[in-house]
Amino acid sequence: MPQDQERKLAFAFFRQHPLMTLTTLSKEGAPQNAAVYTYIDENNCLYFVSREGTRKYNNIVENSSATLCTYDENVLMFAEVQGSAEVVNDKEEAATILTELQKIVESRKSSYWTPPVSQISDEPYVFFKLTPKEVTFTNYEQSSSEDSKPMVVNFEM
């Protein structure tokens, strides 16, 4: 499969599974996870929201390395993107992210449902942009007892 098709396949999977696990590193270097809804723009940058003062916020401010991953157990696929996360300071960009994340949440849940980030303290919202450095997409669906190797797509951005 040509590399461009592999990239499209991986990012299509991310877009179909916007609820992802975000892994950041604590000050001590321990991995810490959080579930976040993620919006992906046309340049394949990934965006999510948090609150100031949360563990993920403090971790990213200290160390920008982060990983987002998602999976689908029904079709046995897994994908992760490793990169560098940064706070989005541009108000227009933040407004776009908020609008896109609201669309994603409303399409998956009732419009009356309150996302977890809205249930956290009254700290200000912070939008993050994760710029991909490395992407891995694994498809176990095609493997069988005769050929037990999954399809693995790995590329750097």
N, C-alpha and C. Protein backbone atom coordinates (compact mmCIF):
# COMPACT_ATOMS: atom_id res chain seq x y z
N MET A 1 0.85 -1.18 0.00
CA MET A 1 0.00 0.00 0.00
C MET A 1 0.90 1.24 0.00
N PRO A 2 0.67 2.19 -0.90
CA PRO A 2 1.49 3.41 -0.93
C PRO A 2 1.35 4.20 0.37
N GLN A 3 2.42 4.92 0.71
CA GLN A 3 2.48 5.62 2.00
C GLN A 3 1.34 6.62 2.17
N ASP A 4 0.96 7.33 1.11
CA ASP A 4 -0.11 8.31 1.22
C ASP A 4 -1.43 7.63 1.61
N GLN A 5 -1.70 6.46 1.05
CA GLN A 5 -2.91 5.71 1.41
C GLN A 5 -2.85 5.25 2.86
N GLU A 6 -1.67 4.83 3.31
CA GLU A 6 -1.50 4.40 4.70
C GLU A 6 -1.81 5.55 5.65
N ARG A 7 -1.31 6.73 5.35
CA ARG A 7 -1.57 7.89 6.19
C ARG A 7 -3.06 8.21 6.22
N LYS A 8 -3.71 8.19 5.05
CA LYS A 8 -5.14 8.47 4.99
C LYS A 8 -5.93 7.46 5.81
N LEU A 9 -5.54 6.18 5.71
CA LEU A 9 -6.21 5.12 6.46
C LEU A 9 -6.07 5.35 7.96
N ALA A 10 -4.86 5.67 8.41
CA ALA A 10 -4.63 5.90 9.84
C ALA A 10 -5.44 7.09 10.35
N PHE A 11 -5.39 8.22 9.64
CA PHE A 11 -6.10 9.40 10.11
C PHE A 11 -7.61 9.27 9.95
N ALA A 12 -8.07 8.48 8.99
CA ALA A 12 -9.51 8.20 8.90
C ALA A 12 -9.96 7.43 10.14
N PHE A 13 -9.13 6.50 10.59
CA PHE A 13 -9.45 5.75 11.80
C PHE A 13 -9.51 6.68 13.01
N PHE A 14 -8.56 7.60 13.13
CA PHE A 14 -8.58 8.57 14.23
C PHE A 14 -9.88 9.38 14.18
N ARG A 15 -10.25 9.85 13.00
CA ARG A 15 -11.46 10.67 12.88
C ARG A 15 -12.72 9.88 13.24
N GLN A 16 -12.74 8.60 12.95
CA GLN A 16 -13.90 7.77 13.28
C GLN A 16 -13.96 7.43 14.76
N HIS A 17 -12.86 7.62 15.47
CA HIS A 17 -12.79 7.26 16.90
C HIS A 17 -12.22 8.44 17.69
N PRO A 18 -13.01 9.52 17.83
CA PRO A 18 -12.49 10.73 18.44
C PRO A 18 -12.29 10.68 19.96
N LEU A 19 -12.85 9.68 20.62
CA LEU A 19 -12.60 9.54 22.06
C LEU A 19 -11.29 8.77 22.20
N MET A 20 -10.27 9.45 22.68
CA MET A 20 -8.93 8.87 22.73
C MET A 20 -8.36 8.93 24.14
N THR A 21 -7.34 8.14 24.34
CA THR A 21 -6.59 8.19 25.59
C THR A 21 -5.36 9.06 25.36
N LEU A 22 -5.22 10.07 26.19
CA LEU A 22 -4.07 10.96 26.14
C LEU A 22 -3.09 10.51 27.21
N THR A 23 -1.85 10.26 26.81
CA THR A 23 -0.81 9.93 27.77
C THR A 23 0.19 11.08 27.84
N THR A 24 0.39 11.57 29.05
CA THR A 24 1.39 12.60 29.30
C THR A 24 2.34 12.08 30.38
N LEU A 25 3.40 12.83 30.63
CA LEU A 25 4.38 12.41 31.64
C LEU A 25 4.36 13.34 32.84
N SER A 26 4.33 12.76 34.02
CA SER A 26 4.38 13.55 35.25
C SER A 26 5.77 14.12 35.43
N LYS A 27 5.94 14.98 36.42
CA LYS A 27 7.26 15.54 36.72
C LYS A 27 8.27 14.44 37.03
N GLU A 28 7.79 13.33 37.56
CA GLU A 28 8.66 12.21 37.91
C GLU A 28 8.91 11.29 36.71
N GLY A 29 8.26 11.57 35.58
CA GLY A 29 8.43 10.75 34.38
C GLY A 29 7.47 9.59 34.28
N ALA A 30 6.48 9.52 35.16
CA ALA A 30 5.50 8.44 35.13
C ALA A 30 4.42 8.76 34.10
N PRO A 31 4.03 7.78 33.27
CA PRO A 31 2.94 8.03 32.32
C PRO A 31 1.62 8.17 33.04
N GLN A 32 0.82 9.14 32.61
CA GLN A 32 -0.51 9.35 33.18
C GLN A 32 -1.50 9.51 32.04
N ASN A 33 -2.66 8.88 32.18
CA ASN A 33 -3.64 8.84 31.10
C ASN A 33 -4.90 9.63 31.45
N ALA A 34 -5.54 10.12 30.39
CA ALA A 34 -6.83 10.79 30.51
C ALA A 34 -7.59 10.55 29.22
N ALA A 35 -8.90 10.47 29.31
CA ALA A 35 -9.73 10.33 28.11
C ALA A 35 -10.11 11.72 27.62
N VAL A 36 -9.95 11.95 26.31
CA VAL A 36 -10.28 13.25 25.73
C VAL A 36 -10.95 13.05 24.37
N TYR A 37 -11.88 13.93 24.06
CA TYR A 37 -12.40 13.98 22.70
C TYR A 37 -11.42 14.79 21.87
N THR A 38 -11.21 14.36 20.65
CA THR A 38 -10.17 14.93 19.82
C THR A 38 -10.71 15.33 18.45
N TYR A 39 -10.36 16.52 18.04
CA TYR A 39 -10.68 17.03 16.69
C TYR A 39 -9.39 17.01 15.88
N ILE A 40 -9.49 16.59 14.61
CA ILE A 40 -8.32 16.53 13.73
C ILE A 40 -8.57 17.46 12.55
N ASP A 41 -7.63 18.37 12.32
CA ASP A 41 -7.81 19.32 11.21
C ASP A 41 -7.30 18.73 9.90
N GLU A 42 -7.38 19.52 8.85
CA GLU A 42 -6.99 19.05 7.51
C GLU A 42 -5.49 18.79 7.39
N ASN A 43 -4.69 19.30 8.31
CA ASN A 43 -3.24 19.06 8.31
C ASN A 43 -2.85 17.91 9.24
N ASN A 44 -3.86 17.21 9.75
CA ASN A 44 -3.68 16.07 10.65
C ASN A 44 -3.08 16.44 12.00
N CYS A 45 -3.31 17.67 12.43
CA CYS A 45 -2.98 18.05 13.80
C CYS A 45 -4.20 17.70 14.65
N LEU A 46 -3.95 17.29 15.88
CA LEU A 46 -5.02 16.84 16.77
C LEU A 46 -5.21 17.85 17.89
N TYR A 47 -6.47 18.14 18.21
CA TYR A 47 -6.81 19.15 19.22
C TYR A 47 -7.69 18.55 20.29
N PHE A 48 -7.49 19.01 21.52
CA PHE A 48 -8.33 18.58 22.63
C PHE A 48 -8.39 19.72 23.64
N VAL A 49 -9.28 19.62 24.59
CA VAL A 49 -9.48 20.67 25.58
C VAL A 49 -9.27 20.09 26.98
N SER A 50 -8.80 20.95 27.86
CA SER A 50 -8.65 20.59 29.27
C SER A 50 -8.97 21.83 30.09
N ARG A 51 -8.66 21.76 31.34
CA ARG A 51 -8.80 22.91 32.24
C ARG A 51 -7.44 23.21 32.84
N GLU A 52 -7.19 24.47 33.11
CA GLU A 52 -5.97 24.82 33.83
C GLU A 52 -6.00 24.13 35.18
N GLY A 53 -4.85 23.70 35.63
CA GLY A 53 -4.77 23.06 36.94
C GLY A 53 -4.98 21.57 36.93
N THR A 54 -5.42 20.99 35.80
CA THR A 54 -5.58 19.54 35.75
C THR A 54 -4.22 18.88 35.62
N ARG A 55 -4.19 17.62 35.88
CA ARG A 55 -2.96 16.84 35.77
C ARG A 55 -2.40 16.91 34.36
N LYS A 56 -3.25 16.72 33.35
CA LYS A 56 -2.75 16.72 31.97
C LYS A 56 -2.23 18.11 31.58
N TYR A 57 -2.91 19.16 32.03
CA TYR A 57 -2.44 20.52 31.76
C TYR A 57 -1.05 20.73 32.35
N ASN A 58 -0.89 20.41 33.63
CA ASN A 58 0.41 20.60 34.29
C ASN A 58 1.50 19.75 33.65
N ASN A 59 1.16 18.53 33.27
CA ASN A 59 2.15 17.66 32.64
C ASN A 59 2.63 18.23 31.30
N ILE A 60 1.70 18.70 30.48
CA ILE A 60 2.08 19.23 29.16
C ILE A 60 2.88 20.52 29.29
N VAL A 61 2.53 21.36 30.26
CA VAL A 61 3.29 22.59 30.47
C VAL A 61 4.74 22.26 30.85
N GLU A 62 4.95 21.18 31.61
CA GLU A 62 6.29 20.75 32.01
C GLU A 62 7.03 20.00 30.91
N ASN A 63 6.29 19.18 30.16
CA ASN A 63 6.91 18.32 29.14
C ASN A 63 5.90 18.16 28.00
N SER A 64 6.20 18.69 26.83
CA SER A 64 5.23 18.72 25.73
C SER A 64 5.03 17.37 25.04
N SER A 65 5.84 16.37 25.35
CA SER A 65 5.67 15.05 24.73
C SER A 65 4.34 14.43 25.18
N ALA A 66 3.58 13.94 24.19
CA ALA A 66 2.28 13.34 24.50
C ALA A 66 1.94 12.30 23.43
N THR A 67 1.07 11.38 23.81
CA THR A 67 0.59 10.35 22.89
C THR A 67 -0.92 10.28 23.00
N LEU A 68 -1.58 10.22 21.85
CA LEU A 68 -3.02 9.97 21.79
C LEU A 68 -3.21 8.62 21.15
N CYS A 69 -4.09 7.79 21.73
CA CYS A 69 -4.35 6.49 21.12
C CYS A 69 -5.84 6.17 21.21
N THR A 70 -6.26 5.33 20.28
CA THR A 70 -7.64 4.88 20.24
C THR A 70 -7.69 3.47 19.68
N TYR A 71 -8.78 2.79 19.91
CA TYR A 71 -8.91 1.42 19.41
C TYR A 71 -10.38 1.13 19.13
N ASP A 72 -10.59 0.06 18.42
CA ASP A 72 -11.94 -0.44 18.16
C ASP A 72 -11.89 -1.95 18.32
N GLU A 73 -12.42 -2.44 19.42
CA GLU A 73 -12.34 -3.88 19.68
C GLU A 73 -13.23 -4.69 18.74
N ASN A 74 -14.23 -4.07 18.16
CA ASN A 74 -15.11 -4.79 17.24
C ASN A 74 -14.42 -5.17 15.93
N VAL A 75 -13.50 -4.32 15.49
CA VAL A 75 -12.78 -4.62 14.25
C VAL A 75 -11.29 -4.86 14.50
N LEU A 76 -10.92 -4.92 15.77
CA LEU A 76 -9.55 -5.22 16.18
C LEU A 76 -8.52 -4.31 15.53
N MET A 77 -8.72 -3.00 15.69
CA MET A 77 -7.79 -2.02 15.18
C MET A 77 -7.35 -1.10 16.32
N PHE A 78 -6.10 -0.63 16.21
CA PHE A 78 -5.50 0.22 17.23
C PHE A 78 -4.67 1.28 16.51
N ALA A 79 -4.69 2.50 17.00
CA ALA A 79 -3.87 3.56 16.40
C ALA A 79 -3.37 4.49 17.49
N GLU A 80 -2.15 4.97 17.30
CA GLU A 80 -1.61 5.97 18.23
C GLU A 80 -0.78 6.98 17.46
N VAL A 81 -0.77 8.18 17.99
CA VAL A 81 0.03 9.25 17.42
C VAL A 81 0.84 9.87 18.56
N GLN A 82 2.14 9.95 18.34
CA GLN A 82 3.04 10.56 19.31
C GLN A 82 3.45 11.91 18.76
N GLY A 83 3.57 12.88 19.65
CA GLY A 83 3.95 14.20 19.17
C GLY A 83 4.21 15.16 20.30
N SER A 84 4.14 16.41 19.93
CA SER A 84 4.40 17.50 20.85
C SER A 84 3.12 18.32 21.00
N ALA A 85 2.69 18.52 22.24
CA ALA A 85 1.46 19.27 22.53
C ALA A 85 1.80 20.67 22.98
N GLU A 86 0.98 21.60 22.54
CA GLU A 86 1.18 23.00 22.95
C GLU A 86 -0.17 23.67 23.16
N VAL A 87 -0.17 24.69 23.99
CA VAL A 87 -1.39 25.46 24.25
C VAL A 87 -1.69 26.30 23.01
N VAL A 88 -2.96 26.33 22.64
CA VAL A 88 -3.42 27.17 21.53
C VAL A 88 -3.78 28.53 22.11
N ASN A 89 -3.07 29.56 21.68
CA ASN A 89 -3.31 30.91 22.20
C ASN A 89 -4.15 31.77 21.27
N ASP A 90 -4.24 31.40 20.01
CA ASP A 90 -5.00 32.17 19.03
C ASP A 90 -6.50 31.98 19.29
N LYS A 91 -7.22 33.09 19.53
CA LYS A 91 -8.64 33.02 19.89
C LYS A 91 -9.51 32.46 18.75
N GLU A 92 -9.19 32.80 17.50
CA GLU A 92 -9.97 32.26 16.38
C GLU A 92 -9.76 30.76 16.24
N GLU A 93 -8.52 30.32 16.40
CA GLU A 93 -8.22 28.89 16.33
C GLU A 93 -8.94 28.15 17.46
N ALA A 94 -8.93 28.74 18.67
CA ALA A 94 -9.61 28.13 19.81
C ALA A 94 -11.11 28.05 19.57
N ALA A 95 -11.70 29.07 18.96
CA ALA A 95 -13.14 29.06 18.66
C ALA A 95 -13.47 27.95 17.67
N THR A 96 -12.61 27.76 16.68
CA THR A 96 -12.82 26.67 15.70
C THR A 96 -12.75 25.32 16.40
N ILE A 97 -11.76 25.16 17.25
CA ILE A 97 -11.60 23.89 17.98
C ILE A 97 -12.84 23.61 18.83
N LEU A 98 -13.29 24.61 19.56
CA LEU A 98 -14.47 24.45 20.41
C LEU A 98 -15.68 24.03 19.58
N THR A 99 -15.90 24.69 18.47
CA THR A 99 -17.03 24.36 17.59
C THR A 99 -16.94 22.93 17.10
N GLU A 100 -15.77 22.52 16.64
CA GLU A 100 -15.58 21.17 16.11
C GLU A 100 -15.74 20.12 17.21
N LEU A 101 -15.19 20.38 18.38
CA LEU A 101 -15.34 19.42 19.49
C LEU A 101 -16.80 19.30 19.92
N GLN A 102 -17.52 20.42 19.93
CA GLN A 102 -18.95 20.37 20.28
C GLN A 102 -19.71 19.51 19.28
N LYS A 103 -19.40 19.64 17.99
CA LYS A 103 -20.06 18.82 16.96
C LYS A 103 -19.77 17.34 17.21
N ILE A 104 -18.53 17.03 17.53
CA ILE A 104 -18.14 15.63 17.76
C ILE A 104 -18.90 15.06 18.96
N VAL A 105 -18.91 15.79 20.06
CA VAL A 105 -19.57 15.30 21.27
C VAL A 105 -21.07 15.16 21.02
N GLU A 106 -21.68 16.15 20.39
CA GLU A 106 -23.13 16.08 20.14
C GLU A 106 -23.49 14.96 19.18
N SER A 107 -22.61 14.62 18.26
CA SER A 107 -22.91 13.52 17.33
C SER A 107 -22.81 12.16 18.01
N ARG A 108 -22.10 12.11 19.13
CA ARG A 108 -21.89 10.85 19.81
C ARG A 108 -22.74 10.71 21.07
N LYS A 109 -23.14 11.82 21.63
CA LYS A 109 -23.92 11.83 22.88
C LYS A 109 -25.10 12.78 22.72
N SER A 110 -26.01 12.72 23.64
CA SER A 110 -27.14 13.66 23.66
C SER A 110 -26.61 15.08 23.85
N SER A 111 -27.28 16.02 23.26
CA SER A 111 -26.85 17.42 23.42
C SER A 111 -27.01 17.88 24.87
N TYR A 112 -27.74 17.10 25.66
CA TYR A 112 -27.91 17.42 27.08
C TYR A 112 -26.81 16.83 27.96
N TRP A 113 -25.98 15.96 27.36
CA TRP A 113 -24.90 15.32 28.10
C TRP A 113 -23.78 16.32 28.34
N THR A 114 -23.21 16.29 29.53
CA THR A 114 -22.13 17.20 29.88
C THR A 114 -20.81 16.45 29.84
N PRO A 115 -19.88 16.86 28.96
CA PRO A 115 -18.58 16.18 28.89
C PRO A 115 -17.83 16.30 30.22
N PRO A 116 -16.98 15.33 30.52
CA PRO A 116 -16.22 15.37 31.78
C PRO A 116 -15.45 16.66 31.99
N VAL A 117 -14.86 17.23 30.94
CA VAL A 117 -14.08 18.46 31.11
C VAL A 117 -14.96 19.59 31.63
N SER A 118 -16.27 19.55 31.34
CA SER A 118 -17.19 20.57 31.84
C SER A 118 -17.56 20.33 33.29
N GLN A 119 -17.31 19.13 33.78
CA GLN A 119 -17.66 18.79 35.16
C GLN A 119 -16.53 19.05 36.14
N ILE A 120 -15.37 19.42 35.60
CA ILE A 120 -14.20 19.72 36.45
C ILE A 120 -14.33 21.15 36.94
N SER A 121 -13.60 21.49 37.99
CA SER A 121 -13.64 22.80 38.63
C SER A 121 -13.84 23.96 37.66
N ASP A 122 -13.95 25.12 38.20
CA ASP A 122 -14.20 26.32 37.41
C ASP A 122 -12.95 26.93 36.81
N GLU A 123 -11.88 26.19 36.72
CA GLU A 123 -10.66 26.70 36.09
C GLU A 123 -10.95 27.00 34.62
N PRO A 124 -10.22 27.94 34.03
CA PRO A 124 -10.43 28.27 32.61
C PRO A 124 -10.12 27.07 31.70
N TYR A 125 -10.84 27.03 30.56
CA TYR A 125 -10.56 26.02 29.54
C TYR A 125 -9.25 26.36 28.84
N VAL A 126 -8.55 25.31 28.44
CA VAL A 126 -7.31 25.46 27.68
C VAL A 126 -7.40 24.50 26.51
N PHE A 127 -7.12 25.00 25.31
CA PHE A 127 -7.12 24.16 24.12
C PHE A 127 -5.68 23.78 23.79
N PHE A 128 -5.51 22.53 23.40
CA PHE A 128 -4.19 22.02 23.06
C PHE A 128 -4.16 21.53 21.62
N LYS A 129 -3.01 21.67 21.01
CA LYS A 129 -2.75 21.16 19.67
C LYS A 129 -1.60 20.17 19.77
N LEU A 130 -1.83 18.95 19.30
CA LEU A 130 -0.77 17.96 19.26
C LEU A 130 -0.31 17.84 17.81
N THR A 131 0.95 18.17 17.59
CA THR A 131 1.54 18.05 16.26
C THR A 131 2.19 16.68 16.16
N PRO A 132 1.72 15.85 15.24
CA PRO A 132 2.23 14.47 15.14
C PRO A 132 3.69 14.40 14.73
N LYS A 133 4.39 13.47 15.35
CA LYS A 133 5.77 13.14 14.94
C LYS A 133 5.83 11.72 14.40
N GLU A 134 5.10 10.82 15.05
CA GLU A 134 5.09 9.42 14.63
C GLU A 134 3.69 8.84 14.81
N VAL A 135 3.26 8.05 13.83
CA VAL A 135 1.93 7.45 13.84
C VAL A 135 2.07 5.95 13.65
N THR A 136 1.32 5.20 14.43
CA THR A 136 1.25 3.74 14.27
C THR A 136 -0.21 3.34 14.17
N PHE A 137 -0.53 2.54 13.15
CA PHE A 137 -1.88 2.02 12.96
C PHE A 137 -1.75 0.52 12.79
N THR A 138 -2.48 -0.24 13.61
CA THR A 138 -2.40 -1.70 13.57
C THR A 138 -3.78 -2.27 13.35
N ASN A 139 -3.88 -3.17 12.35
CA ASN A 139 -5.14 -3.81 12.01
C ASN A 139 -4.98 -5.31 12.20
N TYR A 140 -5.60 -5.84 13.25
CA TYR A 140 -5.55 -7.28 13.53
C TYR A 140 -6.68 -8.02 12.84
N GLU A 141 -7.59 -7.28 12.24
CA GLU A 141 -8.78 -7.87 11.64
C GLU A 141 -8.45 -8.88 10.53
N GLN A 142 -7.41 -8.61 9.77
CA GLN A 142 -7.08 -9.46 8.63
C GLN A 142 -6.25 -10.69 9.01
N SER A 143 -5.69 -10.70 10.22
CA SER A 143 -4.85 -11.83 10.60
C SER A 143 -5.71 -13.07 10.87
N SER A 144 -5.13 -14.21 10.65
CA SER A 144 -5.84 -15.48 10.85
C SER A 144 -4.87 -16.49 11.44
N SER A 145 -5.36 -17.69 11.68
CA SER A 145 -4.47 -18.72 12.22
C SER A 145 -3.41 -19.10 11.20
N GLU A 146 -3.70 -18.91 9.91
CA GLU A 146 -2.73 -19.23 8.86
C GLU A 146 -1.69 -18.12 8.71
N ASP A 147 -2.13 -16.87 8.84
CA ASP A 147 -1.22 -15.73 8.75
C ASP A 147 -1.52 -14.83 9.93
N SER A 148 -0.81 -15.04 11.02
CA SER A 148 -1.15 -14.36 12.28
C SER A 148 -0.56 -12.95 12.40
N LYS A 149 0.04 -12.45 11.35
CA LYS A 149 0.64 -11.12 11.43
C LYS A 149 -0.40 -10.05 11.09
N PRO A 150 -0.53 -9.05 11.96
CA PRO A 150 -1.45 -7.96 11.66
C PRO A 150 -0.83 -7.01 10.63
N MET A 151 -1.67 -6.19 10.04
CA MET A 151 -1.17 -5.12 9.19
C MET A 151 -0.72 -3.99 10.11
N VAL A 152 0.53 -3.59 10.01
CA VAL A 152 1.05 -2.50 10.83
C VAL A 152 1.57 -1.40 9.92
N VAL A 153 1.06 -0.21 10.13
CA VAL A 153 1.49 0.97 9.39
C VAL A 153 2.17 1.89 10.39
N ASN A 154 3.41 2.26 10.11
CA ASN A 154 4.15 3.14 11.00
C ASN A 154 4.85 4.18 10.13
N PHE A 155 4.66 5.44 10.46
CA PHE A 155 5.33 6.48 9.68
C PHE A 155 5.61 7.69 10.54
N GLU A 156 6.59 8.45 10.12
CA GLU A 156 6.95 9.70 10.80
C GLU A 156 6.38 10.86 9.99
N MET A 157 6.09 11.91 10.67
CA MET A 157 5.50 13.10 10.01
C MET A 157 6.57 14.18 9.93
